[in-house]
PDB file of N, CA and C in Angstrom:
ATOM      1  N   MET A   1      15.827  20.504 -33.978  1.00  0.00           N
ATOM      2  CA  MET A   1      17.059  20.817 -33.243  1.00  0.00           C
ATOM      3  C   MET A   1      16.429  21.595 -31.749  1.00  0.00           C
ATOM      4  N   ARG A   2      15.688  22.694 -32.257  1.00  0.00           N
ATOM      5  CA  ARG A   2      15.128  23.518 -31.265  1.00  0.00           C
ATOM      6  C   ARG A   2      14.588  22.834 -30.280  1.00  0.00           C
ATOM      7  N   ASN A   3      13.722  21.713 -30.492  1.00  0.00           N
ATOM      8  CA  ASN A   3      13.094  21.155 -29.478  1.00  0.00           C
ATOM      9  C   ASN A   3      13.728  20.110 -28.607  1.00  0.00           C
ATOM     10  N   PHE A   4      14.880  19.718 -29.297  1.00  0.00           N
ATOM     11  CA  PHE A   4      15.897  18.983 -28.178  1.00  0.00           C
ATOM     12  C   PHE A   4      16.706  19.957 -27.487  1.00  0.00           C
ATOM     13  N   SER A   5      16.886  21.128 -27.828  1.00  0.00           N
ATOM     14  CA  SER A   5      17.732  22.079 -26.611  1.00  0.00           C
ATOM     15  C   SER A   5      16.553  22.433 -25.779  1.00  0.00           C
ATOM     16  N   ARG A   6      15.365  22.401 -26.109  1.00  0.00           N
ATOM     17  CA  ARG A   6      14.317  22.690 -25.015  1.00  0.00           C
ATOM     18  C   ARG A   6      14.270  21.548 -23.917  1.00  0.00           C
ATOM     19  N   ARG A   7      14.205  20.272 -24.749  1.00  0.00           N
ATOM     20  CA  ARG A   7      14.131  19.387 -23.725  1.00  0.00           C
ATOM     21  C   ARG A   7      15.637  19.181 -22.906  1.00  0.00           C
ATOM     22  N   GLN A   8      16.600  19.470 -23.393  1.00  0.00           N
ATOM     23  CA  GLN A   8      17.721  19.233 -22.900  1.00  0.00           C
ATOM     24  C   GLN A   8      17.824  20.477 -21.622  1.00  0.00           C
ATOM     25  N   ALA A   9      17.510  21.599 -21.763  1.00  0.00           N
ATOM     26  CA  ALA A   9      17.290  22.516 -20.625  1.00  0.00           C
ATOM     27  C   ALA A   9      16.446  22.283 -19.737  1.00  0.00           C
ATOM     28  N   ALA A  10      15.297  21.563 -20.322  1.00  0.00           N
ATOM     29  CA  ALA A  10      14.084  21.111 -19.094  1.00  0.00           C
ATOM     30  C   ALA A  10      14.505  20.174 -18.500  1.00  0.00           C
ATOM     31  N   GLY A  11      15.849  19.233 -19.063  1.00  0.00           N
ATOM     32  CA  GLY A  11      16.319  18.347 -18.069  1.00  0.00           C
ATOM     33  C   GLY A  11      17.165  18.705 -16.987  1.00  0.00           C
ATOM     34  N   ARG A  12      18.157  19.591 -17.686  1.00  0.00           N
ATOM     35  CA  ARG A  12      18.953  20.439 -16.572  1.00  0.00           C
ATOM     36  C   ARG A  12      18.390  21.096 -15.507  1.00  0.00           C
ATOM     37  N   ALA A  13      17.191  21.401 -15.779  1.00  0.00           N
ATOM     38  CA  ALA A  13      16.309  22.372 -14.602  1.00  0.00           C
ATOM     39  C   ALA A  13      15.772  21.211 -13.899  1.00  0.00           C
ATOM     40  N   GLU A  14      15.201  20.180 -14.162  1.00  0.00           N
ATOM     41  CA  GLU A  14      14.748  19.066 -13.223  1.00  0.00           C
ATOM     42  C   GLU A  14      15.818  18.380 -12.337  1.00  0.00           C
ATOM     43  N   SER A  15      17.037  18.326 -12.954  1.00  0.00           N
ATOM     44  CA  SER A  15      18.410  17.549 -12.314  1.00  0.00           C
ATOM     45  C   SER A  15      18.504  18.897 -11.280  1.00  0.00           C
ATOM     46  N   ALA A  16      18.641  19.888 -11.431  1.00  0.00           N
ATOM     47  CA  ALA A  16      18.973  21.148 -10.417  1.00  0.00           C
ATOM     48  C   ALA A  16      17.823  21.061  -9.430  1.00  0.00           C
ATOM     49  N   ALA A  17      16.852  20.827  -9.912  1.00  0.00           N
ATOM     50  CA  ALA A  17      15.448  20.541  -8.737  1.00  0.00           C
ATOM     51  C   ALA A  17      15.646  19.695  -7.848  1.00  0.00           C
ATOM     52  N   LEU A  18      16.271  18.410  -8.598  1.00  0.00           N
ATOM     53  CA  LEU A  18      16.266  17.460  -7.754  1.00  0.00           C
ATOM     54  C   LEU A  18      17.302  17.773  -6.616  1.00  0.00           C
ATOM     55  N   VAL A  19      18.669  18.192  -6.810  1.00  0.00           N
ATOM     56  CA  VAL A  19      19.670  18.378  -6.028  1.00  0.00           C
ATOM     57  C   VAL A  19      19.412  19.522  -5.114  1.00  0.00           C
ATOM     58  N   VAL A  20      18.569  20.386  -5.372  1.00  0.00           N
ATOM     59  CA  VAL A  20      18.047  21.505  -4.436  1.00  0.00           C
ATOM     60  C   VAL A  20      17.093  20.547  -3.455  1.00  0.00           C
ATOM     61  N   SER A  21      16.258  19.926  -4.034  1.00  0.00           N
ATOM     62  CA  SER A  21      15.449  18.999  -2.946  1.00  0.00           C
ATOM     63  C   SER A  21      15.857  18.024  -2.160  1.00  0.00           C
ATOM     64  N   LEU A  22      17.109  17.476  -2.640  1.00  0.00           N
ATOM     65  CA  LEU A  22      17.837  16.563  -1.746  1.00  0.00           C
ATOM     66  C   LEU A  22      18.486  17.157  -0.583  1.00  0.00           C
ATOM     67  N   VAL A  23      18.987  18.381  -0.930  1.00  0.00           N
ATOM     68  CA  VAL A  23      19.953  19.524  -0.134  1.00  0.00           C
ATOM     69  C   VAL A  23      18.893  19.822   0.976  1.00  0.00           C
ATOM     70  N   TRP A  24      17.670  20.304   0.750  1.00  0.00           N
ATOM     71  CA  TRP A  24      16.806  20.664   1.537  1.00  0.00           C
ATOM     72  C   TRP A  24      16.393  19.515   2.210  1.00  0.00           C
ATOM     73  N   MET A  25      16.189  18.426   1.884  1.00  0.00           N
ATOM     74  CA  MET A  25      15.814  17.135   2.851  1.00  0.00           C
ATOM     75  C   MET A  25      16.937  16.874   3.783  1.00  0.00           C
ATOM     76  N   VAL A  26      18.024  16.860   3.472  1.00  0.00           N
ATOM     77  CA  VAL A  26      19.091  16.788   4.424  1.00  0.00           C
ATOM     78  C   VAL A  26      19.549  17.691   5.651  1.00  0.00           C
ATOM     79  N   LEU A  27      19.191  18.980   4.947  1.00  0.00           N
ATOM     80  CA  LEU A  27      19.328  19.883   6.064  1.00  0.00           C
ATOM     81  C   LEU A  27      18.063  20.214   6.936  1.00  0.00           C
ATOM     82  N   ALA A  28      17.024  20.023   6.560  1.00  0.00           N
ATOM     83  CA  ALA A  28      15.931  19.659   7.452  1.00  0.00           C
ATOM     84  C   ALA A  28      15.936  18.742   8.056  1.00  0.00           C
ATOM     85  N   GLN A  29      16.582  17.761   7.865  1.00  0.00           N
ATOM     86  CA  GLN A  29      16.773  16.565   8.782  1.00  0.00           C
ATOM     87  C   GLN A  29      17.590  16.909   9.902  1.00  0.00           C
ATOM     88  N   LEU A  30      18.882  17.283   9.177  1.00  0.00           N
ATOM     89  CA  LEU A  30      19.924  17.936  10.574  1.00  0.00           C
ATOM     90  C   LEU A  30      19.485  18.930  11.544  1.00  0.00           C
ATOM     91  N   VAL A  31      18.718  19.738  11.123  1.00  0.00           N
ATOM     92  CA  VAL A  31      18.243  20.716  11.925  1.00  0.00           C
ATOM     93  C   VAL A  31      17.110  20.081  13.163  1.00  0.00           C
ATOM     94  N   CYS A  32      16.324  18.940  12.318  1.00  0.00           N
ATOM     95  CA  CYS A  32      15.271  18.396  13.241  1.00  0.00           C
ATOM     96  C   CYS A  32      16.045  17.424  14.223  1.00  0.00           C
ATOM     97  N   VAL A  33      17.203  17.054  14.115  1.00  0.00           N
ATOM     98  CA  VAL A  33      18.016  16.064  14.782  1.00  0.00           C
ATOM     99  C   VAL A  33      18.604  16.878  15.910  1.00  0.00           C
ATOM    100  N   LEU A  34      19.090  18.144  15.598  1.00  0.00           N
ATOM    101  CA  LEU A  34      19.823  19.195  16.297  1.00  0.00           C
ATOM    102  C   LEU A  34      18.913  19.439  17.601  1.00  0.00           C
ATOM    103  N   CYS A  35      17.641  20.027  17.083  1.00  0.00           N
ATOM    104  CA  CYS A  35      16.595  20.282  17.770  1.00  0.00           C
ATOM    105  C   CYS A  35      16.008  19.254  18.717  1.00  0.00           C
ATOM    106  N   TRP A  36      16.045  18.032  18.424  1.00  0.00           N
ATOM    107  CA  TRP A  36      15.821  16.794  19.404  1.00  0.00           C
ATOM    108  C   TRP A  36      17.234  16.530  20.242  1.00  0.00           C
ATOM    109  N   ASP A  37      18.285  16.719  19.519  1.00  0.00           N
ATOM    110  CA  ASP A  37      19.284  16.303  20.387  1.00  0.00           C
ATOM    111  C   ASP A  37      19.210  17.615  21.620  1.00  0.00           C
ATOM    112  N   ALA A  38      18.882  18.809  21.403  1.00  0.00           N
ATOM    113  CA  ALA A  38      19.034  19.831  22.304  1.00  0.00           C
ATOM    114  C   ALA A  38      17.895  19.813  23.154  1.00  0.00           C
ATOM    115  N   GLY A  39      16.898  19.191  23.111  1.00  0.00           N
ATOM    116  CA  GLY A  39      15.609  18.536  23.969  1.00  0.00           C
ATOM    117  C   GLY A  39      14.706  19.774  23.433  1.00  0.00           C
ATOM    118  N   LEU A  40      14.966  20.678  22.324  1.00  0.00           N
ATOM    119  CA  LEU A  40      13.688  21.459  22.142  1.00  0.00           C
ATOM    120  C   LEU A  40      12.268  20.583  21.321  1.00  0.00           C
ATOM    121  N   LEU A  41      12.663  19.511  21.099  1.00  0.00           N
ATOM    122  CA  LEU A  41      11.542  18.801  20.432  1.00  0.00           C
ATOM    123  C   LEU A  41      11.679  17.118  20.762  1.00  0.00           C
ATOM    124  N   THR A  42      10.592  16.534  20.808  1.00  0.00           N
ATOM    125  CA  THR A  42      10.798  15.078  21.194  1.00  0.00           C
ATOM    126  C   THR A  42      10.920  14.328  19.945  1.00  0.00           C
ATOM    127  N   ARG A  43      11.001  12.677  20.048  1.00  0.00           N
ATOM    128  CA  ARG A  43      11.607  12.286  18.785  1.00  0.00           C
ATOM    129  C   ARG A  43      10.601  12.380  17.835  1.00  0.00           C
ATOM    130  N   GLN A  44       9.373  12.196  18.077  1.00  0.00           N
ATOM    131  CA  GLN A  44       8.160  11.935  17.228  1.00  0.00           C
ATOM    132  C   GLN A  44       7.889  13.415  16.723  1.00  0.00           C
ATOM    133  N   ALA A  45       7.923  14.642  17.466  1.00  0.00           N
ATOM    134  CA  ALA A  45       7.660  15.494  16.957  1.00  0.00           C
ATOM    135  C   ALA A  45       8.909  15.963  15.881  1.00  0.00           C
ATOM    136  N   SER A  46      10.228  15.817  16.183  1.00  0.00           N
ATOM    137  CA  SER A  46      11.222  15.899  15.192  1.00  0.00           C
ATOM    138  C   SER A  46      10.823  15.211  14.060  1.00  0.00           C
ATOM    139  N   LEU A  47      10.731  13.839  13.957  1.00  0.00           N
ATOM    140  CA  LEU A  47      10.281  13.139  12.929  1.00  0.00           C
ATOM    141  C   LEU A  47       8.810  13.715  11.783  1.00  0.00           C
ATOM    142  N   LEU A  48       7.879  14.232  12.882  1.00  0.00           N
ATOM    143  CA  LEU A  48       6.709  14.798  12.200  1.00  0.00           C
ATOM    144  C   LEU A  48       7.377  16.087  11.386  1.00  0.00           C
ATOM    145  N   HIS A  49       8.038  17.056  11.910  1.00  0.00           N
ATOM    146  CA  HIS A  49       8.623  18.075  11.411  1.00  0.00           C
ATOM    147  C   HIS A  49       9.379  17.813  10.121  1.00  0.00           C
ATOM    148  N   TRP A  50      10.263  16.948  10.417  1.00  0.00           N
ATOM    149  CA  TRP A  50      11.141  16.602   9.392  1.00  0.00           C
ATOM    150  C   TRP A  50      10.168  16.043   7.870  1.00  0.00           C
ATOM    151  N   LEU A  51       9.345  15.237   8.527  1.00  0.00           N
ATOM    152  CA  LEU A  51       8.427  14.745   7.287  1.00  0.00           C
ATOM    153  C   LEU A  51       7.474  16.039   6.579  1.00  0.00           C
ATOM    154  N   VAL A  52       7.269  16.760   7.589  1.00  0.00           N
ATOM    155  CA  VAL A  52       6.101  17.871   6.956  1.00  0.00           C
ATOM    156  C   VAL A  52       7.153  18.766   6.425  1.00  0.00           C
ATOM    157  N   VAL A  53       7.877  19.513   7.001  1.00  0.00           N
ATOM    158  CA  VAL A  53       8.881  20.630   6.431  1.00  0.00           C
ATOM    159  C   VAL A  53       9.798  20.135   5.499  1.00  0.00           C
ATOM    160  N   GLY A  54      10.553  18.826   5.740  1.00  0.00           N
ATOM    161  CA  GLY A  54      11.862  18.497   5.018  1.00  0.00           C
ATOM    162  C   GLY A  54      11.377  17.824   3.823  1.00  0.00           C
ATOM    163  N   VAL A  55      10.702  16.818   3.787  1.00  0.00           N
ATOM    164  CA  VAL A  55       9.891  15.938   3.061  1.00  0.00           C
ATOM    165  C   VAL A  55       8.931  16.289   1.849  1.00  0.00           C
ATOM    166  N   LEU A  56       7.784  16.855   2.414  1.00  0.00           N
ATOM    167  CA  LEU A  56       6.663  16.918   1.575  1.00  0.00           C
ATOM    168  C   LEU A  56       6.795  18.218   0.836  1.00  0.00           C
ATOM    169  N   PRO A  57       7.501  19.254   0.990  1.00  0.00           N
ATOM    170  CA  PRO A  57       7.440  20.242  -0.168  1.00  0.00           C
ATOM    171  C   PRO A  57       8.302  19.771  -1.300  1.00  0.00           C
ATOM    172  N   PRO A  58       9.540  19.270  -1.355  1.00  0.00           N
ATOM    173  CA  PRO A  58      10.113  19.029  -2.326  1.00  0.00           C
ATOM    174  C   PRO A  58       9.536  17.513  -3.120  1.00  0.00           C
ATOM    175  N   ALA A  59       8.657  16.420  -2.308  1.00  0.00           N
ATOM    176  CA  ALA A  59       7.988  15.580  -2.929  1.00  0.00           C
ATOM    177  C   ALA A  59       6.580  16.085  -3.878  1.00  0.00           C
ATOM    178  N   LEU A  60       5.812  17.325  -3.480  1.00  0.00           N
ATOM    179  CA  LEU A  60       5.040  17.888  -3.804  1.00  0.00           C
ATOM    180  C   LEU A  60       5.489  18.483  -5.126  1.00  0.00           C
ATOM    181  N   ALA A  61       6.707  18.974  -4.989  1.00  0.00           N
ATOM    182  CA  ALA A  61       7.395  20.037  -6.350  1.00  0.00           C
ATOM    183  C   ALA A  61       7.490  18.894  -7.317  1.00  0.00           C
ATOM    184  N   MET A  62       8.376  18.183  -6.773  1.00  0.00           N
ATOM    185  CA  MET A  62       8.695  17.072  -7.986  1.00  0.00           C
ATOM    186  C   MET A  62       7.605  16.410  -8.467  1.00  0.00           C
ATOM    187  N   TRP A  63       6.433  16.089  -7.871  1.00  0.00           N
ATOM    188  CA  TRP A  63       5.199  15.260  -8.431  1.00  0.00           C
ATOM    189  C   TRP A  63       4.312  16.143  -9.160  1.00  0.00           C
ATOM    190  N   GLY A  64       4.356  17.464  -9.140  1.00  0.00           N
ATOM    191  CA  GLY A  64       3.767  18.816  -9.763  1.00  0.00           C
ATOM    192  C   GLY A  64       4.585  18.799 -11.065  1.00  0.00           C
ATOM    193  N   MET A  65       5.981  18.890 -11.072  1.00  0.00           N
ATOM    194  CA  MET A  65       6.713  18.535 -12.382  1.00  0.00           C
ATOM    195  C   MET A  65       6.435  17.670 -13.265  1.00  0.00           C
ATOM    196  N   GLU A  66       6.255  16.265 -12.689  1.00  0.00           N
ATOM    197  CA  GLU A  66       5.963  15.007 -13.249  1.00  0.00           C
ATOM    198  C   GLU A  66       4.523  14.932 -14.086  1.00  0.00           C
ATOM    199  N   THR A  67       3.555  15.605 -13.059  1.00  0.00           N
ATOM    200  CA  THR A  67       2.228  15.790 -13.851  1.00  0.00           C
ATOM    201  C   THR A  67       2.374  16.753 -14.809  1.00  0.00           C
ATOM    202  N   GLU A  68       3.042  17.776 -14.971  1.00  0.00           N
ATOM    203  CA  GLU A  68       3.111  19.056 -16.060  1.00  0.00           C
ATOM    204  C   GLU A  68       3.798  18.214 -17.048  1.00  0.00           C
ATOM    205  N   ARG A  69       4.786  17.271 -17.055  1.00  0.00           N
ATOM    206  CA  ARG A  69       5.439  16.581 -18.243  1.00  0.00           C
ATOM    207  C   ARG A  69       4.250  15.862 -18.579  1.00  0.00           C
ATOM    208  N   THR A  70       3.449  15.157 -18.111  1.00  0.00           N
ATOM    209  CA  THR A  70       2.551  14.217 -18.683  1.00  0.00           C
ATOM    210  C   THR A  70       1.474  14.742 -19.469  1.00  0.00           C
ATOM    211  N   ARG A  71       1.118  16.339 -19.129  1.00  0.00           N
ATOM    212  CA  ARG A  71       0.063  16.679 -19.939  1.00  0.00           C
ATOM    213  C   ARG A  71       0.550  17.301 -21.155  1.00  0.00           C
ATOM    214  N   ARG A  72       1.739  17.341 -21.301  1.00  0.00           N
ATOM    215  CA  ARG A  72       2.379  17.870 -22.711  1.00  0.00           C
ATOM    216  C   ARG A  72       2.364  16.987 -23.735  1.00  0.00           C
TER     217      ARG A  72
END
């Protein structure tokens, strides 16, 4: 029973992390689009910033959670 509650808590933590990462990616994309629209970044620079700042950190975090789960 205790093991089930730990798995359930881990599942909730992973779900929360997924929601946070999705919100982060959308927010970073919005900021990059606004910077592009304002002329602060070119289209290519805006895309690159979004990929590096918006997509890469959540992807690496999710990948780290997956590799940690497979080690157990």
